[in-house]
């Protein structure tokens, strides 16, 4: 059966979230390259303003399944199955939410399609290629699907930047209802045992427009304390490289790079950061990159917009003095 188009499955909790808009932006970019349309499937209350927002970011068609209550994963998968049977999309893009990952797994079985999880990029070069980190983030794999018509991928958060589509799209919003009988969770699953686990609080490091990044070069605790103090006073985020995390300089939740999070601040300031490729992947969407390192051959200088060859301890001390004078 012929396949066409790109389907973005919006998270069931908030269909016009920043995360979903990032994925739709990328889908639109890919669709323009391969001359296809973008559809977005949403679940929740019908809100025309929020639904039109998805069109502004590149969706040709927005499909809404109205539900005032939280739906179960199997019902969510059934809704997407209806859309797939109608449209036969070539590529389906999910977020990495619990609903997204579970639904992607269910649909891969139903349609005999492989799933590329944790994607950090998708490119179109006469065919779709999916990129993800492998072997403890030591390298990036380039994957091509060869034995299935429908390609399913889950996308890591913040690897793409949301951007309103430049051209006007004559998009449409349509409603969908399930033709098949709704199945409850208990119809398909038997719960043998359940245990409550404590979920760590999510740390949103993308809320900061300016970030300090601590690298291995910030070895003195006194300097780190000054960095955190300046950051707290002026609303600056503090993140770290994997080396800094492993050295106990900063918590894992603030790690940026292949094995951490991806960020897109307006200004990124690297403090004693060497510039390993695994870290630089995580800041590829930063607006302006400023690097401070006493090693003039540090790799980060190959990426930075502004470079300062100096000991981080001296720079931070001077910044602290300047701020004291102005205050």
C-alpha atoms as a PDB file:
ATOM      1  CA  UNK A   1       0.000   0.000   0.000  1.00  0.00           C
ATOM      2  CA  UNK A   2       1.294   3.448  -0.941  1.00  0.00           C
ATOM      3  CA  UNK A   3       2.457   5.671   1.880  1.00  0.00           C
ATOM      4  CA  UNK A   4       2.775   9.438   2.014  1.00  0.00           C
ATOM      5  CA  UNK A   5       3.163  12.329   4.389  1.00  0.00           C
ATOM      6  CA  UNK A   6       4.524  12.885   7.877  1.00  0.00           C
ATOM      7  CA  UNK A   7       2.399  12.389  10.986  1.00  0.00           C
ATOM      8  CA  UNK A   8       3.283  14.105  14.261  1.00  0.00           C
ATOM      9  CA  UNK A   9       1.666  12.542  17.315  1.00  0.00           C
ATOM     10  CA  UNK A  10       1.277  15.339  19.861  1.00  0.00           C
ATOM     11  CA  UNK A  11       1.636  14.522  23.519  1.00  0.00           C
ATOM     12  CA  UNK A  12      -1.693  13.649  25.106  1.00  0.00           C
ATOM     13  CA  UNK A  13      -1.205  16.018  28.040  1.00  0.00           C
ATOM     14  CA  UNK A  14      -0.636  19.334  26.197  1.00  0.00           C
ATOM     15  CA  UNK A  15      -0.882  19.187  22.426  1.00  0.00           C
ATOM     16  CA  UNK A  16       0.476  22.707  21.740  1.00  0.00           C
ATOM     17  CA  UNK A  17       3.457  22.430  24.095  1.00  0.00           C
ATOM     18  CA  UNK A  18       6.918  23.714  23.219  1.00  0.00           C
ATOM     19  CA  UNK A  19       8.035  20.095  22.734  1.00  0.00           C
ATOM     20  CA  UNK A  20       5.331  19.329  20.171  1.00  0.00           C
ATOM     21  CA  UNK A  21       5.970  22.585  18.304  1.00  0.00           C
ATOM     22  CA  UNK A  22       9.670  21.658  18.057  1.00  0.00           C
ATOM     23  CA  UNK A  23       8.735  18.358  16.397  1.00  0.00           C
ATOM     24  CA  UNK A  24       6.204  19.978  14.029  1.00  0.00           C
ATOM     25  CA  UNK A  25       8.818  22.557  13.001  1.00  0.00           C
ATOM     26  CA  UNK A  26      11.213  19.757  12.018  1.00  0.00           C
ATOM     27  CA  UNK A  27       8.434  17.813  10.279  1.00  0.00           C
ATOM     28  CA  UNK A  28       7.606  20.889   8.176  1.00  0.00           C
ATOM     29  CA  UNK A  29      11.267  21.285   7.210  1.00  0.00           C
ATOM     30  CA  UNK A  30      11.455  17.635   6.119  1.00  0.00           C
ATOM     31  CA  UNK A  31       8.096  17.832   4.313  1.00  0.00           C
ATOM     32  CA  UNK A  32       9.312  20.768   2.232  1.00  0.00           C
ATOM     33  CA  UNK A  33      12.344  18.749   1.168  1.00  0.00           C
ATOM     34  CA  UNK A  34      10.354  15.704   0.060  1.00  0.00           C
ATOM     35  CA  UNK A  35       7.178  17.528  -1.100  1.00  0.00           C
ATOM     36  CA  UNK A  36       4.863  15.938   1.465  1.00  0.00           C
ATOM     37  CA  UNK A  37       2.209  17.198   3.872  1.00  0.00           C
ATOM     38  CA  UNK A  38       2.353  17.273   7.653  1.00  0.00           C
ATOM     39  CA  UNK A  39      -0.524  16.060   9.827  1.00  0.00           C
ATOM     40  CA  UNK A  40      -0.750  16.396  13.597  1.00  0.00           C
ATOM     41  CA  UNK A  41      -2.959  14.263  15.829  1.00  0.00           C
ATOM     42  CA  UNK A  42      -4.116  15.710  19.161  1.00  0.00           C
ATOM     43  CA  UNK A  43      -6.177  14.444  22.063  1.00  0.00           C
ATOM     44  CA  UNK A  44      -8.011  16.682  24.511  1.00  0.00           C
ATOM     45  CA  UNK A  45     -10.469  19.547  24.595  1.00  0.00           C
ATOM     46  CA  UNK A  46     -11.275  21.312  21.324  1.00  0.00           C
ATOM     47  CA  UNK A  47      -9.541  24.703  21.468  1.00  0.00           C
ATOM     48  CA  UNK A  48      -9.414  26.337  18.034  1.00  0.00           C
ATOM     49  CA  UNK A  49      -6.754  28.882  19.010  1.00  0.00           C
ATOM     50  CA  UNK A  50      -4.397  26.188  20.291  1.00  0.00           C
ATOM     51  CA  UNK A  51      -5.077  23.922  17.317  1.00  0.00           C
ATOM     52  CA  UNK A  52      -4.409  26.728  14.822  1.00  0.00           C
ATOM     53  CA  UNK A  53      -1.072  27.259  16.565  1.00  0.00           C
ATOM     54  CA  UNK A  54       0.020  23.868  15.205  1.00  0.00           C
ATOM     55  CA  UNK A  55      -0.838  25.072  11.687  1.00  0.00           C
ATOM     56  CA  UNK A  56       1.239  28.223  12.261  1.00  0.00           C
ATOM     57  CA  UNK A  57       4.235  25.987  12.917  1.00  0.00           C
ATOM     58  CA  UNK A  58       3.780  23.890   9.784  1.00  0.00           C
ATOM     59  CA  UNK A  59       0.931  21.375  10.026  1.00  0.00           C
ATOM     60  CA  UNK A  60      -1.288  21.085   6.936  1.00  0.00           C
ATOM     61  CA  UNK A  61      -3.921  19.110   8.819  1.00  0.00           C
ATOM     62  CA  UNK A  62      -4.672  19.002  12.535  1.00  0.00           C
ATOM     63  CA  UNK A  63      -6.810  16.101  13.724  1.00  0.00           C
ATOM     64  CA  UNK A  64      -8.411  16.306  17.161  1.00  0.00           C
ATOM     65  CA  UNK A  65      -9.928  13.500  19.191  1.00  0.00           C
ATOM     66  CA  UNK A  66     -12.052  15.209  21.795  1.00  0.00           C
ATOM     67  CA  UNK A  67     -11.752  13.878  25.315  1.00  0.00           C
ATOM     68  CA  UNK A  68     -12.356  15.739  28.560  1.00  0.00           C
ATOM     69  CA  UNK A  69     -10.669  13.021  30.607  1.00  0.00           C
ATOM     70  CA  UNK A  70      -7.262  11.426  30.553  1.00  0.00           C
ATOM     71  CA  UNK A  71      -7.248   8.460  28.198  1.00  0.00           C
ATOM     72  CA  UNK A  72      -5.322   5.227  28.610  1.00  0.00           C
ATOM     73  CA  UNK A  73      -2.336   4.355  26.456  1.00  0.00           C
ATOM     74  CA  UNK A  74      -4.102   1.583  24.547  1.00  0.00           C
ATOM     75  CA  UNK A  75      -6.943   3.972  23.593  1.00  0.00           C
ATOM     76  CA  UNK A  76      -4.363   6.557  22.536  1.00  0.00           C
ATOM     77  CA  UNK A  77      -2.741   3.916  20.310  1.00  0.00           C
ATOM     78  CA  UNK A  78      -6.151   2.961  18.867  1.00  0.00           C
ATOM     79  CA  UNK A  79      -6.773   6.595  17.874  1.00  0.00           C
ATOM     80  CA  UNK A  80      -3.432   6.808  16.093  1.00  0.00           C
ATOM     81  CA  UNK A  81      -4.122   3.467  14.408  1.00  0.00           C
ATOM     82  CA  UNK A  82      -7.304   4.927  12.870  1.00  0.00           C
ATOM     83  CA  UNK A  83      -5.305   7.835  11.424  1.00  0.00           C
ATOM     84  CA  UNK A  84      -2.568   5.562  10.078  1.00  0.00           C
ATOM     85  CA  UNK A  85      -5.140   3.349   8.343  1.00  0.00           C
ATOM     86  CA  UNK A  86      -6.682   6.433   6.719  1.00  0.00           C
ATOM     87  CA  UNK A  87      -3.507   8.319   5.753  1.00  0.00           C
ATOM     88  CA  UNK A  88      -0.732   5.703   5.588  1.00  0.00           C
ATOM     89  CA  UNK A  89       2.007   8.206   6.572  1.00  0.00           C
ATOM     90  CA  UNK A  90       5.573   7.413   5.630  1.00  0.00           C
ATOM     91  CA  UNK A  91       7.046   8.829   8.838  1.00  0.00           C
ATOM     92  CA  UNK A  92       5.461   9.043  12.309  1.00  0.00           C
ATOM     93  CA  UNK A  93       7.146  11.262  14.891  1.00  0.00           C
ATOM     94  CA  UNK A  94       6.472  10.886  18.625  1.00  0.00           C
ATOM     95  CA  UNK A  95       7.672  12.774  21.670  1.00  0.00           C
ATOM     96  CA  UNK A  96       9.593  10.880  24.352  1.00  0.00           C
ATOM     97  CA  UNK A  97       6.681  11.122  26.796  1.00  0.00           C
ATOM     98  CA  UNK A  98       5.397   7.963  28.460  1.00  0.00           C
ATOM     99  CA  UNK A  99       2.408   8.001  26.084  1.00  0.00           C
ATOM    100  CA  UNK A 100       4.659   8.581  23.078  1.00  0.00           C
ATOM    101  CA  UNK A 101       7.094   5.766  23.832  1.00  0.00           C
ATOM    102  CA  UNK A 102       4.394   3.265  24.759  1.00  0.00           C
ATOM    103  CA  UNK A 103       2.248   4.082  21.713  1.00  0.00           C
ATOM    104  CA  UNK A 104       5.236   3.908  19.361  1.00  0.00           C
ATOM    105  CA  UNK A 105       6.011   0.403  20.648  1.00  0.00           C
ATOM    106  CA  UNK A 106       2.391  -0.740  20.242  1.00  0.00           C
ATOM    107  CA  UNK A 107       2.116   0.650  16.707  1.00  0.00           C
ATOM    108  CA  UNK A 108       5.417  -0.854  15.602  1.00  0.00           C
ATOM    109  CA  UNK A 109       3.940  -4.268  16.388  1.00  0.00           C
ATOM    110  CA  UNK A 110       0.611  -3.559  14.728  1.00  0.00           C
ATOM    111  CA  UNK A 111       2.168  -2.287  11.492  1.00  0.00           C
ATOM    112  CA  UNK A 112       5.339  -4.415  11.524  1.00  0.00           C
ATOM    113  CA  UNK A 113       7.540  -1.338  11.567  1.00  0.00           C
ATOM    114  CA  UNK A 114      10.756  -0.725  13.401  1.00  0.00           C
ATOM    115  CA  UNK A 115      11.091   2.088  15.945  1.00  0.00           C
ATOM    116  CA  UNK A 116      14.080   4.422  16.120  1.00  0.00           C
ATOM    117  CA  UNK A 117      14.082   5.733  19.682  1.00  0.00           C
ATOM    118  CA  UNK A 118      15.793   8.779  21.185  1.00  0.00           C
ATOM    119  CA  UNK A 119      16.371  10.473  17.817  1.00  0.00           C
ATOM    120  CA  UNK A 120      18.515  13.594  17.898  1.00  0.00           C
ATOM    121  CA  UNK A 121      18.072  14.395  14.199  1.00  0.00           C
ATOM    122  CA  UNK A 122      16.270  13.331  11.016  1.00  0.00           C
ATOM    123  CA  UNK A 123      17.495  14.188   7.536  1.00  0.00           C
ATOM    124  CA  UNK A 124      16.079  13.623   4.071  1.00  0.00           C
ATOM    125  CA  UNK A 125      18.508  12.689   1.280  1.00  0.00           C
ATOM    126  CA  UNK A 126      16.319  10.868  -1.252  1.00  0.00           C
ATOM    127  CA  UNK A 127      15.208   8.858   1.778  1.00  0.00           C
ATOM    128  CA  UNK A 128      14.810   9.452   5.491  1.00  0.00           C
ATOM    129  CA  UNK A 129      17.833   8.967   7.761  1.00  0.00           C
ATOM    130  CA  UNK A 130      17.525   8.902  11.540  1.00  0.00           C
ATOM    131  CA  UNK A 131      20.315   9.790  13.961  1.00  0.00           C
ATOM    132  CA  UNK A 132      20.693   8.613  17.568  1.00  0.00           C
ATOM    133  CA  UNK A 133      23.384   8.131  20.167  1.00  0.00           C
ATOM    134  CA  UNK A 134      24.793   4.640  20.701  1.00  0.00           C
ATOM    135  CA  UNK A 135      27.204   2.786  23.016  1.00  0.00           C
ATOM    136  CA  UNK A 136      26.998   5.075  26.041  1.00  0.00           C
ATOM    137  CA  UNK A 137      26.840   8.144  23.765  1.00  0.00           C
ATOM    138  CA  UNK A 138      30.298   7.432  22.345  1.00  0.00           C
ATOM    139  CA  UNK A 139      29.133   7.835  18.744  1.00  0.00           C
ATOM    140  CA  UNK A 140      26.111   8.837  16.656  1.00  0.00           C
ATOM    141  CA  UNK A 141      24.442   6.172  14.528  1.00  0.00           C
ATOM    142  CA  UNK A 142      22.912   6.993  11.142  1.00  0.00           C
ATOM    143  CA  UNK A 143      19.937   4.688  10.512  1.00  0.00           C
ATOM    144  CA  UNK A 144      17.924   3.965   7.383  1.00  0.00           C
ATOM    145  CA  UNK A 145      14.742   1.864   7.467  1.00  0.00           C
ATOM    146  CA  UNK A 146      14.846  -0.690   4.647  1.00  0.00           C
ATOM    147  CA  UNK A 147      12.233  -3.343   5.395  1.00  0.00           C
ATOM    148  CA  UNK A 148       9.121  -1.382   6.370  1.00  0.00           C
ATOM    149  CA  UNK A 149       6.818   1.107   4.694  1.00  0.00           C
ATOM    150  CA  UNK A 150       6.086   3.152   7.808  1.00  0.00           C
ATOM    151  CA  UNK A 151       9.000   4.640   9.739  1.00  0.00           C
ATOM    152  CA  UNK A 152       8.366   5.356  13.430  1.00  0.00           C
ATOM    153  CA  UNK A 153      10.633   7.558  15.534  1.00  0.00           C
ATOM    154  CA  UNK A 154      10.607   9.029  19.040  1.00  0.00           C
ATOM    155  CA  UNK A 155      12.304  12.428  19.310  1.00  0.00           C
ATOM    156  CA  UNK A 156      14.386  13.673  22.223  1.00  0.00           C
ATOM    157  CA  UNK A 157      13.280  16.935  23.759  1.00  0.00           C
ATOM    158  CA  UNK A 158      14.983  20.201  22.747  1.00  0.00           C
ATOM    159  CA  UNK A 159      17.032  18.759  19.870  1.00  0.00           C
ATOM    160  CA  UNK A 160      15.038  20.972  17.473  1.00  0.00           C
ATOM    161  CA  UNK A 161      14.139  24.659  17.754  1.00  0.00           C
ATOM    162  CA  UNK A 162      10.511  25.673  17.256  1.00  0.00           C
ATOM    163  CA  UNK A 163       9.941  28.231  14.491  1.00  0.00           C
ATOM    164  CA  UNK A 164       6.762  29.568  12.985  1.00  0.00           C
ATOM    165  CA  UNK A 165       6.452  28.660   9.323  1.00  0.00           C
ATOM    166  CA  UNK A 166       7.292  31.600   7.039  1.00  0.00           C
ATOM    167  CA  UNK A 167       4.637  30.826   4.445  1.00  0.00           C
ATOM    168  CA  UNK A 168       0.877  30.825   4.968  1.00  0.00           C
ATOM    169  CA  UNK A 169      -0.615  27.333   5.123  1.00  0.00           C
ATOM    170  CA  UNK A 170      -4.252  26.854   4.255  1.00  0.00           C
ATOM    171  CA  UNK A 171      -4.517  24.311   7.040  1.00  0.00           C
ATOM    172  CA  UNK A 172      -7.598  22.515   8.224  1.00  0.00           C
ATOM    173  CA  UNK A 173      -8.818  21.162  11.531  1.00  0.00           C
ATOM    174  CA  UNK A 174     -10.877  17.980  11.615  1.00  0.00           C
ATOM    175  CA  UNK A 175     -12.375  15.792  14.317  1.00  0.00           C
ATOM    176  CA  UNK A 176     -12.073  12.032  14.567  1.00  0.00           C
ATOM    177  CA  UNK A 177     -14.086   9.384  16.358  1.00  0.00           C
ATOM    178  CA  UNK A 178     -13.091   5.803  16.986  1.00  0.00           C
ATOM    179  CA  UNK A 179     -14.925   3.341  14.726  1.00  0.00           C
ATOM    180  CA  UNK A 180     -13.842   0.362  16.790  1.00  0.00           C
ATOM    181  CA  UNK A 181     -15.019  -0.480  20.311  1.00  0.00           C
ATOM    182  CA  UNK A 182     -12.999   1.167  23.055  1.00  0.00           C
ATOM    183  CA  UNK A 183     -10.906  -1.248  25.044  1.00  0.00           C
ATOM    184  CA  UNK A 184     -10.040  -0.659  28.654  1.00  0.00           C
ATOM    185  CA  UNK A 185      -6.637  -1.283  30.130  1.00  0.00           C
ATOM    186  CA  UNK A 186      -7.946  -4.369  31.909  1.00  0.00           C
ATOM    187  CA  UNK A 187      -9.125  -5.846  28.582  1.00  0.00           C
ATOM    188  CA  UNK A 188      -5.554  -6.374  27.419  1.00  0.00           C
ATOM    189  CA  UNK A 189      -3.378  -6.273  30.533  1.00  0.00           C
ATOM    190  CA  UNK A 190      -3.374  -8.258  33.754  1.00  0.00           C
ATOM    191  CA  UNK A 191      -1.637  -6.478  36.621  1.00  0.00           C
ATOM    192  CA  UNK A 192       0.334  -9.042  38.605  1.00  0.00           C
ATOM    193  CA  UNK A 193       2.097  -6.657  40.970  1.00  0.00           C
ATOM    194  CA  UNK A 194       2.516  -2.891  41.325  1.00  0.00           C
ATOM    195  CA  UNK A 195       5.039  -0.808  43.221  1.00  0.00           C
ATOM    196  CA  UNK A 196       5.226   2.936  43.710  1.00  0.00           C
ATOM    197  CA  UNK A 197       8.508   4.588  42.799  1.00  0.00           C
ATOM    198  CA  UNK A 198       9.722   8.028  43.699  1.00  0.00           C
ATOM    199  CA  UNK A 199      10.102  10.128  40.553  1.00  0.00           C
ATOM    200  CA  UNK A 200      12.839  12.727  40.571  1.00  0.00           C
ATOM    201  CA  UNK A 201      11.695  16.298  40.074  1.00  0.00           C
ATOM    202  CA  UNK A 202      12.188  17.453  36.480  1.00  0.00           C
ATOM    203  CA  UNK A 203      14.758  20.230  36.103  1.00  0.00           C
ATOM    204  CA  UNK A 204      13.984  22.630  33.235  1.00  0.00           C
ATOM    205  CA  UNK A 205      17.319  24.124  32.177  1.00  0.00           C
ATOM    206  CA  UNK A 206      15.804  25.502  28.956  1.00  0.00           C
ATOM    207  CA  UNK A 207      13.972  28.258  30.824  1.00  0.00           C
ATOM    208  CA  UNK A 208      17.185  30.308  30.998  1.00  0.00           C
ATOM    209  CA  UNK A 209      18.109  32.715  28.183  1.00  0.00           C
ATOM    210  CA  UNK A 210      21.716  32.864  29.476  1.00  0.00           C
ATOM    211  CA  UNK A 211      23.664  29.908  30.881  1.00  0.00           C
ATOM    212  CA  UNK A 212      27.053  29.348  32.484  1.00  0.00           C
ATOM    213  CA  UNK A 213      28.491  25.935  31.644  1.00  0.00           C
ATOM    214  CA  UNK A 214      30.985  24.479  34.108  1.00  0.00           C
ATOM    215  CA  UNK A 215      33.705  22.327  32.572  1.00  0.00           C
ATOM    216  CA  UNK A 216      36.587  20.331  33.963  1.00  0.00           C
ATOM    217  CA  UNK A 217      38.677  23.537  33.951  1.00  0.00           C
ATOM    218  CA  UNK A 218      36.696  25.012  36.859  1.00  0.00           C
ATOM    219  CA  UNK A 219      38.617  22.956  39.391  1.00  0.00           C
ATOM    220  CA  UNK A 220      38.502  25.350  42.365  1.00  0.00           C
ATOM    221  CA  UNK A 221      35.442  25.164  44.609  1.00  0.00           C
ATOM    222  CA  UNK A 222      35.826  28.860  45.402  1.00  0.00           C
ATOM    223  CA  UNK A 223      35.412  29.722  41.723  1.00  0.00           C
ATOM    224  CA  UNK A 224      32.397  27.445  41.375  1.00  0.00           C
ATOM    225  CA  UNK A 225      30.788  29.093  44.391  1.00  0.00           C
ATOM    226  CA  UNK A 226      31.295  32.501  42.774  1.00  0.00           C
ATOM    227  CA  UNK A 227      29.714  31.239  39.517  1.00  0.00           C
ATOM    228  CA  UNK A 228      26.629  29.956  41.341  1.00  0.00           C
ATOM    229  CA  UNK A 229      26.360  33.189  43.318  1.00  0.00           C
ATOM    230  CA  UNK A 230      26.520  35.395  40.209  1.00  0.00           C
ATOM    231  CA  UNK A 231      24.053  33.136  38.424  1.00  0.00           C
ATOM    232  CA  UNK A 232      21.555  33.267  41.287  1.00  0.00           C
ATOM    233  CA  UNK A 233      21.719  37.057  41.542  1.00  0.00           C
ATOM    234  CA  UNK A 234      21.144  37.650  37.831  1.00  0.00           C
ATOM    235  CA  UNK A 235      18.838  34.800  36.839  1.00  0.00           C
ATOM    236  CA  UNK A 236      21.460  32.881  34.877  1.00  0.00           C
ATOM    237  CA  UNK A 237      21.258  29.111  34.528  1.00  0.00           C
ATOM    238  CA  UNK A 238      24.197  26.887  35.492  1.00  0.00           C
ATOM    239  CA  UNK A 239      24.814  23.652  33.587  1.00  0.00           C
ATOM    240  CA  UNK A 240      27.740  21.272  33.246  1.00  0.00           C
ATOM    241  CA  UNK A 241      29.616  18.924  30.971  1.00  0.00           C
ATOM    242  CA  UNK A 242      29.766  15.189  31.567  1.00  0.00           C
ATOM    243  CA  UNK A 243      33.301  15.578  32.953  1.00  0.00           C
ATOM    244  CA  UNK A 244      32.062  18.148  35.469  1.00  0.00           C
ATOM    245  CA  UNK A 245      29.219  15.867  36.544  1.00  0.00           C
ATOM    246  CA  UNK A 246      31.527  12.875  36.962  1.00  0.00           C
ATOM    247  CA  UNK A 247      33.886  15.043  39.026  1.00  0.00           C
ATOM    248  CA  UNK A 248      31.017  15.927  41.369  1.00  0.00           C
ATOM    249  CA  UNK A 249      30.997  19.623  40.415  1.00  0.00           C
ATOM    250  CA  UNK A 250      27.321  19.685  39.421  1.00  0.00           C
ATOM    251  CA  UNK A 251      24.323  17.337  39.537  1.00  0.00           C
ATOM    252  CA  UNK A 252      23.466  14.964  36.679  1.00  0.00           C
ATOM    253  CA  UNK A 253      20.143  16.775  36.074  1.00  0.00           C
ATOM    254  CA  UNK A 254      22.127  19.763  34.760  1.00  0.00           C
ATOM    255  CA  UNK A 255      24.329  17.824  32.341  1.00  0.00           C
ATOM    256  CA  UNK A 256      24.230  18.983  28.711  1.00  0.00           C
ATOM    257  CA  UNK A 257      25.383  16.944  25.737  1.00  0.00           C
ATOM    258  CA  UNK A 258      24.769  13.605  24.047  1.00  0.00           C
ATOM    259  CA  UNK A 259      24.295  11.769  27.334  1.00  0.00           C
ATOM    260  CA  UNK A 260      22.522  14.729  28.954  1.00  0.00           C
ATOM    261  CA  UNK A 261      20.078  17.366  27.767  1.00  0.00           C
ATOM    262  CA  UNK A 262      19.926  19.665  24.753  1.00  0.00           C
ATOM    263  CA  UNK A 263      19.539  23.411  25.226  1.00  0.00           C
ATOM    264  CA  UNK A 264      18.936  26.476  23.053  1.00  0.00           C
ATOM    265  CA  UNK A 265      19.754  29.580  25.151  1.00  0.00           C
ATOM    266  CA  UNK A 266      20.296  33.017  23.665  1.00  0.00           C
ATOM    267  CA  UNK A 267      23.781  33.118  25.209  1.00  0.00           C
ATOM    268  CA  UNK A 268      25.959  30.160  26.245  1.00  0.00           C
ATOM    269  CA  UNK A 269      29.120  30.887  28.271  1.00  0.00           C
ATOM    270  CA  UNK A 270      31.529  27.960  28.522  1.00  0.00           C
ATOM    271  CA  UNK A 271      33.791  28.120  31.562  1.00  0.00           C
ATOM    272  CA  UNK A 272      36.769  25.791  31.363  1.00  0.00           C
ATOM    273  CA  UNK A 273      34.921  23.646  28.806  1.00  0.00           C
ATOM    274  CA  UNK A 274      37.212  21.728  26.448  1.00  0.00           C
ATOM    275  CA  UNK A 275      34.571  21.405  23.714  1.00  0.00           C
ATOM    276  CA  UNK A 276      34.241  17.650  23.220  1.00  0.00           C
ATOM    277  CA  UNK A 277      31.914  16.835  20.327  1.00  0.00           C
ATOM    278  CA  UNK A 278      29.578  14.946  22.684  1.00  0.00           C
ATOM    279  CA  UNK A 279      28.987  18.174  24.608  1.00  0.00           C
ATOM    280  CA  UNK A 280      28.820  20.507  21.612  1.00  0.00           C
ATOM    281  CA  UNK A 281      25.941  18.492  20.130  1.00  0.00           C
ATOM    282  CA  UNK A 282      23.861  19.544  23.125  1.00  0.00           C
ATOM    283  CA  UNK A 283      24.398  23.286  22.517  1.00  0.00           C
ATOM    284  CA  UNK A 284      24.165  23.349  18.712  1.00  0.00           C
ATOM    285  CA  UNK A 285      21.023  25.514  18.910  1.00  0.00           C
ATOM    286  CA  UNK A 286      22.550  28.200  21.158  1.00  0.00           C
ATOM    287  CA  UNK A 287      22.308  31.749  19.809  1.00  0.00           C
ATOM    288  CA  UNK A 288      25.720  33.123  20.845  1.00  0.00           C
ATOM    289  CA  UNK A 289      28.540  30.961  22.198  1.00  0.00           C
ATOM    290  CA  UNK A 290      31.234  32.493  24.411  1.00  0.00           C
ATOM    291  CA  UNK A 291      34.185  30.318  25.420  1.00  0.00           C
ATOM    292  CA  UNK A 292      36.673  30.953  28.234  1.00  0.00           C
ATOM    293  CA  UNK A 293      39.610  28.561  28.501  1.00  0.00           C
ATOM    294  CA  UNK A 294      43.291  28.992  29.288  1.00  0.00           C
ATOM    295  CA  UNK A 295      44.188  26.395  26.650  1.00  0.00           C
ATOM    296  CA  UNK A 296      44.382  28.265  23.345  1.00  0.00           C
ATOM    297  CA  UNK A 297      44.027  24.939  21.484  1.00  0.00           C
ATOM    298  CA  UNK A 298      40.767  23.970  23.223  1.00  0.00           C
ATOM    299  CA  UNK A 299      38.310  22.501  20.727  1.00  0.00           C
ATOM    300  CA  UNK A 300      35.490  24.772  21.918  1.00  0.00           C
ATOM    301  CA  UNK A 301      37.177  27.722  20.207  1.00  0.00           C
ATOM    302  CA  UNK A 302      36.355  26.087  16.861  1.00  0.00           C
ATOM    303  CA  UNK A 303      32.655  26.589  17.658  1.00  0.00           C
ATOM    304  CA  UNK A 304      32.543  29.785  19.712  1.00  0.00           C
ATOM    305  CA  UNK A 305      31.460  33.204  18.451  1.00  0.00           C
ATOM    306  CA  UNK A 306      33.657  34.886  21.057  1.00  0.00           C
ATOM    307  CA  UNK A 307      36.828  33.342  22.507  1.00  0.00           C
ATOM    308  CA  UNK A 308      38.771  34.358  25.617  1.00  0.00           C
ATOM    309  CA  UNK A 309      42.105  32.641  26.301  1.00  0.00           C
ATOM    310  CA  UNK A 310      42.451  33.114  30.038  1.00  0.00           C
ATOM    311  CA  UNK A 311      42.182  31.254  33.326  1.00  0.00           C
ATOM    312  CA  UNK A 312      38.524  30.966  34.347  1.00  0.00           C
ATOM    313  CA  UNK A 313      39.411  31.814  37.964  1.00  0.00           C
ATOM    314  CA  UNK A 314      40.737  35.226  36.891  1.00  0.00           C
ATOM    315  CA  UNK A 315      37.747  36.001  34.655  1.00  0.00           C
ATOM    316  CA  UNK A 316      35.177  35.113  37.312  1.00  0.00           C
ATOM    317  CA  UNK A 317      37.045  37.178  39.925  1.00  0.00           C
ATOM    318  CA  UNK A 318      37.033  40.190  37.592  1.00  0.00           C
ATOM    319  CA  UNK A 319      33.330  39.760  36.846  1.00  0.00           C
ATOM    320  CA  UNK A 320      32.598  39.592  40.564  1.00  0.00           C
ATOM    321  CA  UNK A 321      34.595  42.794  41.206  1.00  0.00           C
ATOM    322  CA  UNK A 322      32.841  44.623  38.367  1.00  0.00           C
ATOM    323  CA  UNK A 323      29.402  43.640  39.601  1.00  0.00           C
ATOM    324  CA  UNK A 324      30.304  44.743  43.133  1.00  0.00           C
ATOM    325  CA  UNK A 325      31.278  48.200  41.811  1.00  0.00           C
ATOM    326  CA  UNK A 326      28.070  48.589  39.792  1.00  0.00           C
ATOM    327  CA  UNK A 327      25.911  47.480  42.704  1.00  0.00           C
END
